[in-house]
Amino acid sequence: MSDSEAEKLEKYLAEKAQQEQAKQQEAEPLSAYDACVLKESARIHELIAEAQRESKEHDLDD
């Protein structure tokens, strides 16, 4: 592949990436309910991870 072809391909891929990003930004925003569910889900995962770390620490102390 020549440099010219590689540059054209690179420009094409960059344009496609920009188009895809623009599409994602135009997507409907999350409803308040969905946003709340995602936030609480992340919080639950953090609490589970914290509990697992504490459990491992207690196992090491024994």
Protein backbone atom coordinates (compact mmCIF):
# COMPACT_ATOMS: atom_id res chain seq x y z
CA MET A 1 0.00 0.00 0.00
CA SER A 2 1.46 3.35 -0.99
CA ASP A 3 1.68 6.32 1.36
CA SER A 4 -1.09 8.05 -0.56
CA GLU A 5 -3.45 5.09 -0.15
CA ALA A 6 -2.56 4.78 3.52
CA GLU A 7 -3.28 8.49 4.07
CA LYS A 8 -6.63 8.21 2.27
CA LEU A 9 -7.56 5.20 4.38
CA GLU A 10 -6.51 6.99 7.56
CA LYS A 11 -8.62 10.05 6.65
CA TYR A 12 -11.58 7.83 5.80
CA LEU A 13 -11.36 5.99 9.11
CA ALA A 14 -11.01 9.28 11.02
CA GLU A 15 -14.12 10.66 9.30
CA LYS A 16 -16.06 7.49 10.06
CA ALA A 17 -15.02 7.70 13.72
CA GLN A 18 -16.20 11.32 13.87
CA GLN A 19 -19.53 10.39 12.27
CA GLU A 20 -20.03 7.57 14.75
CA GLN A 21 -19.22 9.86 17.66
CA ALA A 22 -21.72 12.43 16.38
CA LYS A 23 -24.42 9.74 16.15
CA GLN A 24 -23.80 8.69 19.74
CA GLN A 25 -24.05 12.28 20.96
CA GLU A 26 -27.39 12.66 19.17
CA ALA A 27 -28.80 9.58 20.88
CA GLU A 28 -31.62 10.13 23.34
CA PRO A 29 -30.48 10.98 26.84
CA LEU A 30 -31.22 8.44 29.55
CA SER A 31 -34.48 8.79 31.38
CA ALA A 32 -34.22 9.79 35.02
CA TYR A 33 -35.20 6.25 35.98
CA ASP A 34 -32.50 4.64 33.81
CA ALA A 35 -29.89 7.05 35.13
CA CYS A 36 -30.88 6.23 38.69
CA VAL A 37 -30.78 2.48 38.04
CA LEU A 38 -27.31 2.73 36.50
CA LYS A 39 -26.05 4.87 39.38
CA GLU A 40 -27.41 2.49 42.02
CA SER A 41 -26.09 -0.53 40.13
CA ALA A 42 -22.60 0.97 40.12
CA ARG A 43 -22.94 1.73 43.83
CA ILE A 44 -23.96 -1.87 44.55
CA HIS A 45 -20.98 -3.19 42.60
CA GLU A 46 -18.67 -0.91 44.61
CA LEU A 47 -20.17 -2.16 47.89
CA ILE A 48 -19.78 -5.78 46.79
CA ALA A 49 -16.14 -5.19 45.83
CA GLU A 50 -15.50 -3.48 49.17
CA ALA A 51 -17.10 -6.37 51.07
CA GLN A 52 -15.00 -8.87 49.15
CA ARG A 53 -11.81 -6.93 49.96
CA GLU A 54 -12.74 -6.81 53.64
CA SER A 55 -13.52 -10.51 53.60
CA LYS A 56 -10.10 -11.27 52.12
CA GLU A 57 -8.43 -9.05 54.75
CA HIS A 58 -10.21 -10.91 57.55
CA ASP A 59 -9.19 -14.24 56.03
CA LEU A 60 -5.56 -13.09 56.00
CA ASP A 61 -5.78 -11.95 59.64
CA ASP A 62 -6.91 -15.40 60.80
